[in-house]
Amino acid sequence: MDWIIGPLKNYATFSGRARRSEFWAFVIFVTLLQLCGRYVDSRGADTPQVALNMGIAELCIFIIFLVPVVAAGVRRLHDSGRSGLWMLLGYIPLVINELPAMAEDNMASILIGAILMGGGALVIMWLLPGTRGQNLFGVDPRKRGT
């Protein structure tokens, strides 16, 4: 249960480091909750899509866990010696989607490419092993016992 409680205790802590197991277990947990929220939303025949193509239950779960997931992602990047600013790679598709000069025909392929490049690079960085010993962002989480 520490893999759920740990990131929630560090709800908005963007400093320090997070192990791969802590980060990925928490992300999988939140993803399962999101899927449960989507299922609850789909049970009602007239459930409206409130925002971001989500129903009410799924959107509530998204909002509740947004800050802890981002914070855990930043700490995971810190573990491999990278700045948390690399998290901005995940927002490349949103920026491209807002470019008004793009033709509608090319938008889908551009967005898919941006998601694969930005999001893919971010996932790869999250999968890389952390720095052994202390780095610029703190002590090795393996040495802390967390």
N, C-alpha and C. Protein backbone atom coordinates (compact mmCIF):
# COMPACT_ATOMS: atom_id res chain seq x y z
N MET A 1 0.81 -1.21 0.00
CA MET A 1 0.00 0.00 0.00
C MET A 1 0.85 1.27 0.00
N ASP A 2 2.15 1.11 0.28
CA ASP A 2 3.00 2.29 0.32
C ASP A 2 3.14 2.92 -1.06
N TRP A 3 2.96 2.15 -2.12
CA TRP A 3 3.06 2.69 -3.46
C TRP A 3 1.88 3.61 -3.79
N ILE A 4 0.80 3.51 -3.02
CA ILE A 4 -0.32 4.46 -3.17
C ILE A 4 -0.15 5.60 -2.19
N ILE A 5 0.13 5.27 -0.94
CA ILE A 5 0.23 6.26 0.12
C ILE A 5 1.43 7.19 -0.08
N GLY A 6 2.58 6.64 -0.52
CA GLY A 6 3.79 7.45 -0.69
C GLY A 6 3.58 8.65 -1.61
N PRO A 7 3.12 8.43 -2.85
CA PRO A 7 2.89 9.57 -3.73
C PRO A 7 1.79 10.51 -3.22
N LEU A 8 0.81 9.97 -2.50
CA LEU A 8 -0.24 10.85 -1.96
C LEU A 8 0.27 11.69 -0.79
N LYS A 9 1.20 11.13 -0.01
CA LYS A 9 1.82 11.92 1.06
C LYS A 9 2.62 13.07 0.48
N ASN A 10 3.24 12.83 -0.67
CA ASN A 10 4.01 13.85 -1.36
C ASN A 10 3.15 14.52 -2.44
N TYR A 11 1.90 14.80 -2.10
CA TYR A 11 0.88 15.28 -3.04
C TYR A 11 1.40 16.33 -4.01
N ALA A 12 2.05 17.35 -3.51
CA ALA A 12 2.54 18.45 -4.37
C ALA A 12 4.03 18.68 -4.15
N THR A 13 4.77 17.61 -3.87
CA THR A 13 6.21 17.73 -3.67
C THR A 13 6.90 17.47 -5.00
N PHE A 14 7.47 18.52 -5.56
CA PHE A 14 8.12 18.41 -6.85
C PHE A 14 9.64 18.31 -6.71
N SER A 15 10.12 18.22 -5.48
CA SER A 15 11.55 18.06 -5.26
C SER A 15 11.80 16.63 -4.78
N GLY A 16 13.04 16.21 -4.90
CA GLY A 16 13.38 14.86 -4.48
C GLY A 16 13.32 13.89 -5.65
N ARG A 17 13.35 12.61 -5.32
CA ARG A 17 13.44 11.57 -6.32
C ARG A 17 12.41 10.48 -6.05
N ALA A 18 12.00 9.77 -7.11
CA ALA A 18 11.06 8.65 -6.99
C ALA A 18 11.59 7.46 -7.77
N ARG A 19 11.51 6.30 -7.18
CA ARG A 19 11.94 5.07 -7.85
C ARG A 19 10.97 4.70 -8.96
N ARG A 20 11.44 3.89 -9.88
CA ARG A 20 10.58 3.43 -10.97
C ARG A 20 9.37 2.68 -10.44
N SER A 21 9.59 1.80 -9.49
CA SER A 21 8.48 0.99 -8.97
C SER A 21 7.41 1.86 -8.32
N GLU A 22 7.83 2.86 -7.56
CA GLU A 22 6.86 3.78 -6.92
C GLU A 22 6.05 4.51 -7.98
N PHE A 23 6.73 5.06 -8.97
CA PHE A 23 6.06 5.85 -10.00
C PHE A 23 5.09 4.99 -10.81
N TRP A 24 5.57 3.88 -11.35
CA TRP A 24 4.73 3.07 -12.23
C TRP A 24 3.57 2.40 -11.50
N ALA A 25 3.79 1.98 -10.27
CA ALA A 25 2.68 1.40 -9.50
C ALA A 25 1.60 2.44 -9.27
N PHE A 26 2.00 3.67 -8.96
CA PHE A 26 1.02 4.73 -8.73
C PHE A 26 0.29 5.09 -10.02
N VAL A 27 1.01 5.16 -11.14
CA VAL A 27 0.38 5.48 -12.42
C VAL A 27 -0.61 4.39 -12.82
N ILE A 28 -0.26 3.14 -12.61
CA ILE A 28 -1.18 2.04 -12.93
C ILE A 28 -2.41 2.11 -12.04
N PHE A 29 -2.22 2.39 -10.75
CA PHE A 29 -3.35 2.54 -9.83
C PHE A 29 -4.30 3.65 -10.28
N VAL A 30 -3.76 4.80 -10.62
CA VAL A 30 -4.59 5.93 -11.05
C VAL A 30 -5.27 5.62 -12.38
N THR A 31 -4.58 4.92 -13.27
CA THR A 31 -5.19 4.54 -14.55
C THR A 31 -6.37 3.60 -14.33
N LEU A 32 -6.21 2.65 -13.41
CA LEU A 32 -7.33 1.75 -13.09
C LEU A 32 -8.51 2.52 -12.50
N LEU A 33 -8.21 3.50 -11.65
CA LEU A 33 -9.29 4.33 -11.11
C LEU A 33 -9.99 5.11 -12.23
N GLN A 34 -9.20 5.63 -13.17
CA GLN A 34 -9.78 6.35 -14.32
C GLN A 34 -10.71 5.44 -15.11
N LEU A 35 -10.27 4.19 -15.33
CA LEU A 35 -11.10 3.24 -16.06
C LEU A 35 -12.39 2.93 -15.31
N CYS A 36 -12.30 2.83 -13.98
CA CYS A 36 -13.50 2.63 -13.17
C CYS A 36 -14.44 3.83 -13.30
N GLY A 37 -13.87 5.03 -13.29
CA GLY A 37 -14.67 6.24 -13.47
C GLY A 37 -15.35 6.27 -14.83
N ARG A 38 -14.62 5.84 -15.85
CA ARG A 38 -15.21 5.79 -17.20
C ARG A 38 -16.34 4.77 -17.25
N TYR A 39 -16.15 3.64 -16.57
CA TYR A 39 -17.20 2.62 -16.52
C TYR A 39 -18.44 3.16 -15.82
N VAL A 40 -18.25 3.84 -14.70
CA VAL A 40 -19.38 4.43 -13.97
C VAL A 40 -20.10 5.44 -14.86
N ASP A 41 -19.34 6.25 -15.57
CA ASP A 41 -19.95 7.24 -16.46
C ASP A 41 -20.71 6.58 -17.60
N SER A 42 -20.22 5.45 -18.08
CA SER A 42 -20.88 4.79 -19.21
C SER A 42 -22.16 4.06 -18.79
N ARG A 43 -22.33 3.83 -17.51
CA ARG A 43 -23.53 3.13 -17.01
C ARG A 43 -24.79 3.95 -17.22
N GLY A 44 -24.67 5.27 -17.15
CA GLY A 44 -25.83 6.13 -17.38
C GLY A 44 -25.99 6.39 -18.87
N ALA A 45 -27.19 6.24 -19.37
CA ALA A 45 -27.43 6.40 -20.81
C ALA A 45 -27.23 7.85 -21.26
N ASP A 46 -27.56 8.79 -20.40
CA ASP A 46 -27.48 10.20 -20.78
C ASP A 46 -26.31 10.92 -20.14
N THR A 47 -25.26 10.21 -19.77
CA THR A 47 -24.12 10.84 -19.11
C THR A 47 -23.42 11.78 -20.07
N PRO A 48 -23.37 13.07 -19.73
CA PRO A 48 -22.72 14.03 -20.64
C PRO A 48 -21.20 13.96 -20.54
N GLN A 49 -20.55 14.31 -21.62
CA GLN A 49 -19.10 14.47 -21.63
C GLN A 49 -18.84 15.88 -21.11
N VAL A 50 -18.31 15.99 -19.90
CA VAL A 50 -18.16 17.28 -19.24
C VAL A 50 -17.00 18.07 -19.82
N ALA A 51 -15.82 17.50 -19.79
CA ALA A 51 -14.62 18.18 -20.29
C ALA A 51 -13.58 17.13 -20.65
N LEU A 52 -12.69 17.47 -21.56
CA LEU A 52 -11.62 16.58 -21.99
C LEU A 52 -12.15 15.21 -22.41
N ASN A 53 -13.35 15.20 -22.96
CA ASN A 53 -13.99 13.97 -23.42
C ASN A 53 -14.20 12.97 -22.29
N MET A 54 -14.45 13.46 -21.07
CA MET A 54 -14.66 12.62 -19.89
C MET A 54 -16.03 12.92 -19.29
N GLY A 55 -16.58 11.90 -18.63
CA GLY A 55 -17.80 12.10 -17.87
C GLY A 55 -17.46 12.66 -16.49
N ILE A 56 -18.46 12.83 -15.66
CA ILE A 56 -18.28 13.47 -14.36
C ILE A 56 -17.37 12.66 -13.43
N ALA A 57 -17.61 11.36 -13.30
CA ALA A 57 -16.81 10.53 -12.38
C ALA A 57 -15.35 10.48 -12.83
N GLU A 58 -15.14 10.24 -14.12
CA GLU A 58 -13.77 10.16 -14.63
C GLU A 58 -13.05 11.50 -14.49
N LEU A 59 -13.74 12.59 -14.75
CA LEU A 59 -13.14 13.92 -14.62
C LEU A 59 -12.77 14.23 -13.17
N CYS A 60 -13.62 13.84 -12.23
CA CYS A 60 -13.31 14.05 -10.81
C CYS A 60 -12.04 13.30 -10.41
N ILE A 61 -11.92 12.05 -10.84
CA ILE A 61 -10.72 11.27 -10.54
C ILE A 61 -9.50 11.92 -11.17
N PHE A 62 -9.64 12.38 -12.41
CA PHE A 62 -8.54 13.05 -13.11
C PHE A 62 -8.07 14.27 -12.34
N ILE A 63 -9.01 15.10 -11.90
CA ILE A 63 -8.67 16.33 -11.19
C ILE A 63 -8.01 16.03 -9.84
N ILE A 64 -8.55 15.06 -9.12
CA ILE A 64 -8.02 14.71 -7.79
C ILE A 64 -6.57 14.22 -7.89
N PHE A 65 -6.27 13.42 -8.91
CA PHE A 65 -4.95 12.80 -9.00
C PHE A 65 -3.99 13.50 -9.96
N LEU A 66 -4.40 14.60 -10.57
CA LEU A 66 -3.53 15.29 -11.53
C LEU A 66 -2.23 15.77 -10.89
N VAL A 67 -2.32 16.49 -9.80
CA VAL A 67 -1.11 17.04 -9.16
C VAL A 67 -0.20 15.93 -8.63
N PRO A 68 -0.71 14.90 -7.93
CA PRO A 68 0.21 13.86 -7.47
C PRO A 68 0.88 13.09 -8.61
N VAL A 69 0.19 12.87 -9.72
CA VAL A 69 0.81 12.15 -10.84
C VAL A 69 1.90 13.00 -11.48
N VAL A 70 1.63 14.28 -11.67
CA VAL A 70 2.65 15.17 -12.23
C VAL A 70 3.85 15.28 -11.29
N ALA A 71 3.58 15.42 -10.00
CA ALA A 71 4.66 15.51 -9.02
C ALA A 71 5.50 14.24 -9.01
N ALA A 72 4.84 13.08 -9.07
CA ALA A 72 5.58 11.81 -9.11
C ALA A 72 6.39 11.71 -10.40
N GLY A 73 5.85 12.20 -11.51
CA GLY A 73 6.58 12.20 -12.77
C GLY A 73 7.82 13.07 -12.72
N VAL A 74 7.69 14.23 -12.09
CA VAL A 74 8.84 15.12 -11.94
C VAL A 74 9.89 14.47 -11.06
N ARG A 75 9.47 13.87 -9.95
CA ARG A 75 10.44 13.20 -9.07
C ARG A 75 11.09 12.01 -9.76
N ARG A 76 10.34 11.32 -10.64
CA ARG A 76 10.91 10.20 -11.40
C ARG A 76 11.99 10.71 -12.35
N LEU A 77 11.74 11.85 -13.01
CA LEU A 77 12.75 12.45 -13.88
C LEU A 77 13.98 12.86 -13.06
N HIS A 78 13.74 13.39 -11.87
CA HIS A 78 14.85 13.78 -11.00
C HIS A 78 15.72 12.57 -10.65
N ASP A 79 15.11 11.40 -10.51
CA ASP A 79 15.87 10.21 -10.13
C ASP A 79 16.93 9.87 -11.17
N SER A 80 16.65 10.18 -12.44
CA SER A 80 17.64 9.91 -13.49
C SER A 80 18.47 11.14 -13.81
N GLY A 81 18.40 12.17 -12.95
CA GLY A 81 19.23 13.35 -13.11
C GLY A 81 18.70 14.36 -14.10
N ARG A 82 17.43 14.27 -14.47
CA ARG A 82 16.83 15.20 -15.43
C ARG A 82 15.95 16.22 -14.73
N SER A 83 15.83 17.36 -15.34
CA SER A 83 14.97 18.42 -14.81
C SER A 83 13.50 18.03 -15.00
N GLY A 84 12.66 18.50 -14.10
CA GLY A 84 11.22 18.27 -14.21
C GLY A 84 10.61 18.99 -15.39
N LEU A 85 11.33 19.93 -15.98
CA LEU A 85 10.82 20.64 -17.16
C LEU A 85 10.62 19.71 -18.35
N TRP A 86 11.23 18.53 -18.33
CA TRP A 86 11.02 17.55 -19.39
C TRP A 86 9.55 17.10 -19.43
N MET A 87 8.81 17.33 -18.36
CA MET A 87 7.38 16.98 -18.34
C MET A 87 6.62 17.76 -19.42
N LEU A 88 7.15 18.89 -19.84
CA LEU A 88 6.49 19.69 -20.86
C LEU A 88 6.40 18.96 -22.20
N LEU A 89 7.20 17.92 -22.40
CA LEU A 89 7.10 17.13 -23.63
C LEU A 89 5.71 16.55 -23.81
N GLY A 90 5.06 16.26 -22.72
CA GLY A 90 3.70 15.71 -22.78
C GLY A 90 2.68 16.71 -23.29
N TYR A 91 3.05 17.98 -23.32
CA TYR A 91 2.11 19.01 -23.75
C TYR A 91 2.32 19.42 -25.20
N ILE A 92 3.27 18.84 -25.89
CA ILE A 92 3.51 19.16 -27.30
C ILE A 92 2.23 18.97 -28.14
N PRO A 93 1.50 17.86 -27.98
CA PRO A 93 0.29 17.70 -28.80
C PRO A 93 -0.74 18.81 -28.56
N LEU A 94 -0.83 19.30 -27.33
CA LEU A 94 -1.80 20.37 -27.05
C LEU A 94 -1.41 21.67 -27.77
N VAL A 95 -0.12 21.94 -27.81
CA VAL A 95 0.35 23.15 -28.49
C VAL A 95 0.11 23.03 -29.99
N ILE A 96 0.43 21.88 -30.56
CA ILE A 96 0.24 21.69 -32.00
C ILE A 96 -1.24 21.76 -32.36
N ASN A 97 -2.08 21.24 -31.51
CA ASN A 97 -3.52 21.26 -31.77
C ASN A 97 -4.07 22.68 -31.86
N GLU A 98 -3.41 23.62 -31.21
CA GLU A 98 -3.89 25.00 -31.21
C GLU A 98 -3.34 25.84 -32.36
N LEU A 99 -2.46 25.28 -33.17
CA LEU A 99 -1.92 26.04 -34.29
C LEU A 99 -3.01 26.22 -35.35
N PRO A 100 -3.44 27.45 -35.61
CA PRO A 100 -4.56 27.67 -36.52
C PRO A 100 -4.20 27.51 -37.99
N ALA A 101 -2.94 27.62 -38.34
CA ALA A 101 -2.55 27.60 -39.75
C ALA A 101 -2.54 26.19 -40.34
N MET A 102 -2.60 25.18 -39.51
CA MET A 102 -2.54 23.81 -40.00
C MET A 102 -3.83 23.43 -40.73
N ALA A 103 -3.67 22.68 -41.80
CA ALA A 103 -4.84 22.19 -42.52
C ALA A 103 -5.47 21.06 -41.73
N GLU A 104 -6.77 20.94 -41.85
CA GLU A 104 -7.52 19.92 -41.10
C GLU A 104 -7.09 18.51 -41.50
N ASP A 105 -6.72 18.31 -42.76
CA ASP A 105 -6.33 16.98 -43.24
C ASP A 105 -5.05 16.49 -42.57
N ASN A 106 -4.13 17.38 -42.36
CA ASN A 106 -2.83 17.00 -41.81
C ASN A 106 -2.83 16.93 -40.28
N MET A 107 -3.86 17.46 -39.65
CA MET A 107 -3.86 17.59 -38.19
C MET A 107 -3.75 16.24 -37.49
N ALA A 108 -4.46 15.23 -37.94
CA ALA A 108 -4.44 13.93 -37.27
C ALA A 108 -3.04 13.33 -37.30
N SER A 109 -2.40 13.34 -38.46
CA SER A 109 -1.07 12.75 -38.54
C SER A 109 -0.04 13.57 -37.76
N ILE A 110 -0.21 14.88 -37.73
CA ILE A 110 0.71 15.72 -36.95
C ILE A 110 0.54 15.44 -35.46
N LEU A 111 -0.70 15.33 -34.99
CA LEU A 111 -0.95 15.06 -33.58
C LEU A 111 -0.43 13.68 -33.18
N ILE A 112 -0.63 12.70 -34.02
CA ILE A 112 -0.12 11.35 -33.71
C ILE A 112 1.40 11.38 -33.62
N GLY A 113 2.04 12.06 -34.54
CA GLY A 113 3.49 12.18 -34.50
C GLY A 113 3.97 12.90 -33.25
N ALA A 114 3.26 13.97 -32.87
CA ALA A 114 3.64 14.73 -31.68
C ALA A 114 3.47 13.90 -30.42
N ILE A 115 2.38 13.15 -30.36
CA ILE A 115 2.15 12.29 -29.18
C ILE A 115 3.25 11.23 -29.08
N LEU A 116 3.58 10.62 -30.22
CA LEU A 116 4.62 9.59 -30.21
C LEU A 116 5.98 10.17 -29.86
N MET A 117 6.29 11.35 -30.38
CA MET A 117 7.60 11.95 -30.10
C MET A 117 7.68 12.48 -28.67
N GLY A 118 6.74 13.33 -28.29
CA GLY A 118 6.78 13.94 -26.97
C GLY A 118 6.48 12.96 -25.86
N GLY A 119 5.34 12.30 -25.99
CA GLY A 119 4.94 11.35 -24.96
C GLY A 119 5.85 10.14 -24.91
N GLY A 120 6.27 9.67 -26.08
CA GLY A 120 7.18 8.53 -26.13
C GLY A 120 8.52 8.82 -25.48
N ALA A 121 9.06 10.00 -25.76
CA ALA A 121 10.33 10.39 -25.14
C ALA A 121 10.19 10.47 -23.63
N LEU A 122 9.07 11.00 -23.17
CA LEU A 122 8.83 11.12 -21.73
C LEU A 122 8.73 9.76 -21.07
N VAL A 123 8.01 8.83 -21.69
CA VAL A 123 7.88 7.48 -21.14
C VAL A 123 9.24 6.79 -21.09
N ILE A 124 10.04 6.97 -22.13
CA ILE A 124 11.38 6.37 -22.13
C ILE A 124 12.20 6.92 -20.98
N MET A 125 12.12 8.22 -20.75
CA MET A 125 12.88 8.81 -19.63
C MET A 125 12.39 8.26 -18.29
N TRP A 126 11.09 8.03 -18.15
CA TRP A 126 10.55 7.46 -16.92
C TRP A 126 11.00 6.01 -16.73
N LEU A 127 11.26 5.31 -17.82
CA LEU A 127 11.67 3.91 -17.75
C LEU A 127 13.16 3.72 -17.48
N LEU A 128 13.96 4.74 -17.74
CA LEU A 128 15.40 4.63 -17.55
C LEU A 128 15.74 4.47 -16.06
N PRO A 129 16.80 3.74 -15.76
CA PRO A 129 17.18 3.58 -14.35
C PRO A 129 17.65 4.90 -13.75
N GLY A 130 17.48 5.01 -12.44
CA GLY A 130 17.91 6.21 -11.74
C GLY A 130 19.41 6.25 -11.53
N THR A 131 19.88 7.42 -11.18
CA THR A 131 21.29 7.61 -10.87
C THR A 131 21.61 6.92 -9.56
N ARG A 132 22.67 6.14 -9.54
CA ARG A 132 23.08 5.51 -8.29
C ARG A 132 23.73 6.56 -7.40
N GLY A 133 23.40 6.52 -6.14
CA GLY A 133 23.95 7.49 -5.21
C GLY A 133 23.25 8.85 -5.33
N GLN A 134 23.83 9.81 -4.69
CA GLN A 134 23.23 11.15 -4.68
C GLN A 134 23.44 11.85 -6.02
N ASN A 135 22.43 12.60 -6.45
CA ASN A 135 22.59 13.44 -7.63
C ASN A 135 22.13 14.85 -7.28
N LEU A 136 21.98 15.69 -8.26
CA LEU A 136 21.63 17.09 -8.06
C LEU A 136 20.29 17.26 -7.33
N PHE A 137 19.42 16.25 -7.42
CA PHE A 137 18.07 16.37 -6.89
C PHE A 137 17.85 15.65 -5.56
N GLY A 138 18.88 15.06 -5.00
CA GLY A 138 18.74 14.45 -3.69
C GLY A 138 19.43 13.10 -3.59
N VAL A 139 19.16 12.46 -2.46
CA VAL A 139 19.77 11.14 -2.19
C VAL A 139 19.03 10.05 -2.98
N ASP A 140 19.72 8.96 -3.18
CA ASP A 140 19.18 7.83 -3.89
C ASP A 140 17.99 7.26 -3.11
N PRO A 141 16.79 7.13 -3.72
CA PRO A 141 15.64 6.61 -2.98
C PRO A 141 15.84 5.18 -2.49
N ARG A 142 16.73 4.42 -3.12
CA ARG A 142 17.02 3.06 -2.65
C ARG A 142 17.71 3.10 -1.30
N LYS A 143 18.46 4.17 -1.04
CA LYS A 143 19.19 4.30 0.22
C LYS A 143 18.29 4.80 1.35
N ARG A 144 17.20 5.49 0.97
CA ARG A 144 16.26 6.00 1.98
C ARG A 144 15.36 4.91 2.52
N GLY A 145 15.23 3.83 1.76
CA GLY A 145 14.34 2.77 2.20
C GLY A 145 12.93 2.99 1.71
N THR A 146 12.74 3.88 0.70
CA THR A 146 11.41 4.09 0.13
C THR A 146 11.38 3.62 -1.29
